[in-house]
PDB file of N, CA and C in Angstrom:
ATOM      1  N   MET A   1       0.841  -1.149  -0.052  1.00  0.00           N
ATOM      2  CA  MET A   1      -0.031  -0.032   0.068  1.00  0.00           C
ATOM      3  C   MET A   1       0.954   1.239   0.068  1.00  0.00           C
ATOM      4  N   LYS A   2       0.561   2.069  -0.807  1.00  0.00           N
ATOM      5  CA  LYS A   2       1.401   3.428  -0.915  1.00  0.00           C
ATOM      6  C   LYS A   2       1.085   4.304   0.344  1.00  0.00           C
ATOM      7  N   ASP A   3       2.061   4.969   1.019  1.00  0.00           N
ATOM      8  CA  ASP A   3       1.845   5.787   1.919  1.00  0.00           C
ATOM      9  C   ASP A   3       1.213   7.262   1.620  1.00  0.00           C
ATOM     10  N   ALA A   4       0.434   7.591   2.550  1.00  0.00           N
ATOM     11  CA  ALA A   4      -0.280   8.783   2.260  1.00  0.00           C
ATOM     12  C   ALA A   4       0.590  10.057   2.249  1.00  0.00           C
ATOM     13  N   ARG A   5       0.565  10.895   1.414  1.00  0.00           N
ATOM     14  CA  ARG A   5       1.220  12.139   1.438  1.00  0.00           C
ATOM     15  C   ARG A   5       0.772  13.181   2.283  1.00  0.00           C
ATOM     16  N   VAL A   6       1.635  14.070   2.880  1.00  0.00           N
ATOM     17  CA  VAL A   6       1.144  15.084   3.654  1.00  0.00           C
ATOM     18  C   VAL A   6       0.595  16.266   2.695  1.00  0.00           C
ATOM     19  N   GLN A   7      -0.517  16.697   3.100  1.00  0.00           N
ATOM     20  CA  GLN A   7      -1.270  17.704   2.278  1.00  0.00           C
ATOM     21  C   GLN A   7      -1.429  19.052   2.792  1.00  0.00           C
ATOM     22  N   VAL A   8      -1.375  19.071   4.408  1.00  0.00           N
ATOM     23  CA  VAL A   8      -1.394  20.224   5.068  1.00  0.00           C
ATOM     24  C   VAL A   8      -0.263  20.207   6.092  1.00  0.00           C
ATOM     25  N   MET A   9       0.180  21.419   6.365  1.00  0.00           N
ATOM     26  CA  MET A   9       1.182  21.412   7.672  1.00  0.00           C
ATOM     27  C   MET A   9       0.959  22.790   8.164  1.00  0.00           C
ATOM     28  N   GLY A  10       0.810  22.770   9.451  1.00  0.00           N
ATOM     29  CA  GLY A  10       0.416  24.129  10.222  1.00  0.00           C
ATOM     30  C   GLY A  10       1.739  24.153  11.166  1.00  0.00           C
ATOM     31  N   ILE A  11       2.148  25.163  11.390  1.00  0.00           N
ATOM     32  CA  ILE A  11       3.170  25.550  12.438  1.00  0.00           C
ATOM     33  C   ILE A  11       2.768  26.584  13.541  1.00  0.00           C
ATOM     34  N   ASP A  12       2.700  26.311  14.902  1.00  0.00           N
ATOM     35  CA  ASP A  12       2.617  27.404  15.707  1.00  0.00           C
ATOM     36  C   ASP A  12       3.861  27.549  16.619  1.00  0.00           C
ATOM     37  N   ALA A  13       4.574  28.597  16.407  1.00  0.00           N
ATOM     38  CA  ALA A  13       5.870  28.878  16.885  1.00  0.00           C
ATOM     39  C   ALA A  13       5.701  29.760  18.161  1.00  0.00           C
ATOM     40  N   GLY A  14       5.609  29.289  19.264  1.00  0.00           N
ATOM     41  CA  GLY A  14       5.368  30.184  20.499  1.00  0.00           C
ATOM     42  C   GLY A  14       6.493  30.430  21.369  1.00  0.00           C
ATOM     43  N   GLY A  15       6.419  31.212  22.235  1.00  0.00           N
ATOM     44  CA  GLY A  15       7.538  31.468  23.084  1.00  0.00           C
ATOM     45  C   GLY A  15       8.384  30.363  23.815  1.00  0.00           C
ATOM     46  N   THR A  16       7.351  29.293  24.340  1.00  0.00           N
ATOM     47  CA  THR A  16       7.754  28.324  24.979  1.00  0.00           C
ATOM     48  C   THR A  16       7.855  26.983  24.219  1.00  0.00           C
ATOM     49  N   MET A  17       6.844  26.536  23.573  1.00  0.00           N
ATOM     50  CA  MET A  17       6.721  25.414  22.849  1.00  0.00           C
ATOM     51  C   MET A  17       6.472  25.819  21.330  1.00  0.00           C
ATOM     52  N   THR A  18       7.024  24.920  20.487  1.00  0.00           N
ATOM     53  CA  THR A  18       6.526  24.965  18.988  1.00  0.00           C
ATOM     54  C   THR A  18       5.785  23.621  18.579  1.00  0.00           C
ATOM     55  N   ASP A  19       4.777  23.859  18.052  1.00  0.00           N
ATOM     56  CA  ASP A  19       3.895  22.789  17.457  1.00  0.00           C
ATOM     57  C   ASP A  19       3.689  22.753  15.961  1.00  0.00           C
ATOM     58  N   THR A  20       3.748  21.377  15.360  1.00  0.00           N
ATOM     59  CA  THR A  20       3.523  21.115  14.183  1.00  0.00           C
ATOM     60  C   THR A  20       2.305  20.275  13.970  1.00  0.00           C
ATOM     61  N   PHE A  21       1.583  20.461  12.892  1.00  0.00           N
ATOM     62  CA  PHE A  21       0.195  19.630  12.678  1.00  0.00           C
ATOM     63  C   PHE A  21       0.523  19.268  11.314  1.00  0.00           C
ATOM     64  N   PHE A  22       0.563  17.878  11.012  1.00  0.00           N
ATOM     65  CA  PHE A  22       0.430  17.459   9.546  1.00  0.00           C
ATOM     66  C   PHE A  22      -0.896  16.679   9.313  1.00  0.00           C
ATOM     67  N   VAL A  23      -1.495  16.971   8.271  1.00  0.00           N
ATOM     68  CA  VAL A  23      -2.719  16.198   7.738  1.00  0.00           C
ATOM     69  C   VAL A  23      -2.345  15.593   6.437  1.00  0.00           C
ATOM     70  N   LYS A  24      -2.718  14.128   6.456  1.00  0.00           N
ATOM     71  CA  LYS A  24      -2.290  13.545   5.290  1.00  0.00           C
ATOM     72  C   LYS A  24      -3.397  13.531   4.292  1.00  0.00           C
ATOM     73  N   GLU A  25      -3.213  12.975   2.943  1.00  0.00           N
ATOM     74  CA  GLU A  25      -4.256  12.952   2.056  1.00  0.00           C
ATOM     75  C   GLU A  25      -5.418  12.012   2.371  1.00  0.00           C
ATOM     76  N   ASN A  26      -4.972  11.108   3.204  1.00  0.00           N
ATOM     77  CA  ASN A  26      -6.382   9.969   3.729  1.00  0.00           C
ATOM     78  C   ASN A  26      -6.924  10.487   4.898  1.00  0.00           C
ATOM     79  N   GLY A  27      -6.537  11.735   5.448  1.00  0.00           N
ATOM     80  CA  GLY A  27      -7.410  12.391   6.486  1.00  0.00           C
ATOM     81  C   GLY A  27      -6.732  12.133   7.922  1.00  0.00           C
ATOM     82  N   SER A  28      -5.596  11.156   7.963  1.00  0.00           N
ATOM     83  CA  SER A  28      -4.916  10.947   9.152  1.00  0.00           C
ATOM     84  C   SER A  28      -4.296  12.235   9.572  1.00  0.00           C
ATOM     85  N   PHE A  29      -3.636  12.454  10.744  1.00  0.00           N
ATOM     86  CA  PHE A  29      -2.820  13.490  11.126  1.00  0.00           C
ATOM     87  C   PHE A  29      -1.817  13.078  12.287  1.00  0.00           C
ATOM     88  N   VAL A  30      -0.838  13.865  12.393  1.00  0.00           N
ATOM     89  CA  VAL A  30       0.376  13.770  13.358  1.00  0.00           C
ATOM     90  C   VAL A  30       0.502  15.241  13.938  1.00  0.00           C
ATOM     91  N   VAL A  31       0.603  15.206  15.193  1.00  0.00           N
ATOM     92  CA  VAL A  31       1.075  16.351  15.947  1.00  0.00           C
ATOM     93  C   VAL A  31       2.263  16.437  16.569  1.00  0.00           C
ATOM     94  N   GLY A  32       3.152  17.313  16.560  1.00  0.00           N
ATOM     95  CA  GLY A  32       4.536  17.238  16.863  1.00  0.00           C
ATOM     96  C   GLY A  32       4.565  18.462  17.976  1.00  0.00           C
ATOM     97  N   LYS A  33       5.545  18.367  18.813  1.00  0.00           N
ATOM     98  CA  LYS A  33       5.807  19.343  19.877  1.00  0.00           C
ATOM     99  C   LYS A  33       7.198  19.297  20.353  1.00  0.00           C
ATOM    100  N   ALA A  34       7.780  20.697  20.479  1.00  0.00           N
ATOM    101  CA  ALA A  34       9.280  20.818  20.928  1.00  0.00           C
ATOM    102  C   ALA A  34       9.184  22.174  21.515  1.00  0.00           C
ATOM    103  N   GLN A  35      10.528  22.171  22.405  1.00  0.00           N
ATOM    104  CA  GLN A  35      10.684  23.508  23.122  1.00  0.00           C
ATOM    105  C   GLN A  35      11.055  24.336  22.048  1.00  0.00           C
ATOM    106  N   SER A  36      10.692  25.706  22.055  1.00  0.00           N
ATOM    107  CA  SER A  36      11.026  26.661  21.191  1.00  0.00           C
ATOM    108  C   SER A  36      12.493  27.240  21.402  1.00  0.00           C
ATOM    109  N   ASN A  37      13.053  27.620  20.332  1.00  0.00           N
ATOM    110  CA  ASN A  37      14.523  28.164  20.486  1.00  0.00           C
ATOM    111  C   ASN A  37      14.581  29.649  20.003  1.00  0.00           C
ATOM    112  N   PRO A  38      14.415  30.579  20.662  1.00  0.00           N
ATOM    113  CA  PRO A  38      14.465  31.984  20.209  1.00  0.00           C
ATOM    114  C   PRO A  38      15.501  32.212  19.453  1.00  0.00           C
ATOM    115  N   GLU A  39      16.673  31.593  19.484  1.00  0.00           N
ATOM    116  CA  GLU A  39      18.136  32.070  18.739  1.00  0.00           C
ATOM    117  C   GLU A  39      17.908  31.358  17.327  1.00  0.00           C
ATOM    118  N   ASP A  40      17.206  30.211  17.325  1.00  0.00           N
ATOM    119  CA  ASP A  40      17.032  29.765  15.745  1.00  0.00           C
ATOM    120  C   ASP A  40      15.761  28.787  15.903  1.00  0.00           C
ATOM    121  N   GLU A  41      14.641  29.489  15.549  1.00  0.00           N
ATOM    122  CA  GLU A  41      13.304  28.834  15.488  1.00  0.00           C
ATOM    123  C   GLU A  41      13.204  27.725  14.451  1.00  0.00           C
ATOM    124  N   SER A  42      14.268  27.622  13.449  1.00  0.00           N
ATOM    125  CA  SER A  42      14.161  26.595  12.599  1.00  0.00           C
ATOM    126  C   SER A  42      14.520  25.204  13.255  1.00  0.00           C
ATOM    127  N   LEU A  43      15.289  25.192  14.449  1.00  0.00           N
ATOM    128  CA  LEU A  43      15.637  24.118  15.237  1.00  0.00           C
ATOM    129  C   LEU A  43      14.420  23.578  15.809  1.00  0.00           C
ATOM    130  N   ALA A  44      13.427  24.471  16.346  1.00  0.00           N
ATOM    131  CA  ALA A  44      12.336  23.925  17.044  1.00  0.00           C
ATOM    132  C   ALA A  44      11.267  23.364  16.056  1.00  0.00           C
ATOM    133  N   ILE A  45      11.185  24.130  14.995  1.00  0.00           N
ATOM    134  CA  ILE A  45      10.287  23.567  13.726  1.00  0.00           C
ATOM    135  C   ILE A  45      10.803  22.097  13.444  1.00  0.00           C
ATOM    136  N   TYR A  46      12.095  21.959  13.069  1.00  0.00           N
ATOM    137  CA  TYR A  46      12.433  20.771  12.809  1.00  0.00           C
ATOM    138  C   TYR A  46      12.347  19.477  13.858  1.00  0.00           C
ATOM    139  N   ASN A  47      12.648  19.924  15.241  1.00  0.00           N
ATOM    140  CA  ASN A  47      12.318  18.971  16.113  1.00  0.00           C
ATOM    141  C   ASN A  47      11.173  18.739  16.365  1.00  0.00           C
ATOM    142  N   SER A  48      10.113  19.632  16.340  1.00  0.00           N
ATOM    143  CA  SER A  48       8.683  19.205  16.429  1.00  0.00           C
ATOM    144  C   SER A  48       8.240  18.438  15.591  1.00  0.00           C
ATOM    145  N   SER A  49       8.772  18.475  14.451  1.00  0.00           N
ATOM    146  CA  SER A  49       8.233  17.641  13.219  1.00  0.00           C
ATOM    147  C   SER A  49       8.942  16.202  12.994  1.00  0.00           C
ATOM    148  N   GLN A  50       9.726  15.865  13.893  1.00  0.00           N
ATOM    149  CA  GLN A  50      10.302  14.740  13.809  1.00  0.00           C
ATOM    150  C   GLN A  50       9.527  13.594  14.409  1.00  0.00           C
TER     151      GLN A  50
END
């Protein structure tokens, strides 16, 4: 069976935590959370999406 591809990605980069939300084409979803990093927010986005 083919894996469902991600169709929507949402990011909430807050002061304490960074959240990511992925919705796949089949309707399933995954939520991630990581500590925010004010010096390099890309690290928090990466960590919350793993």
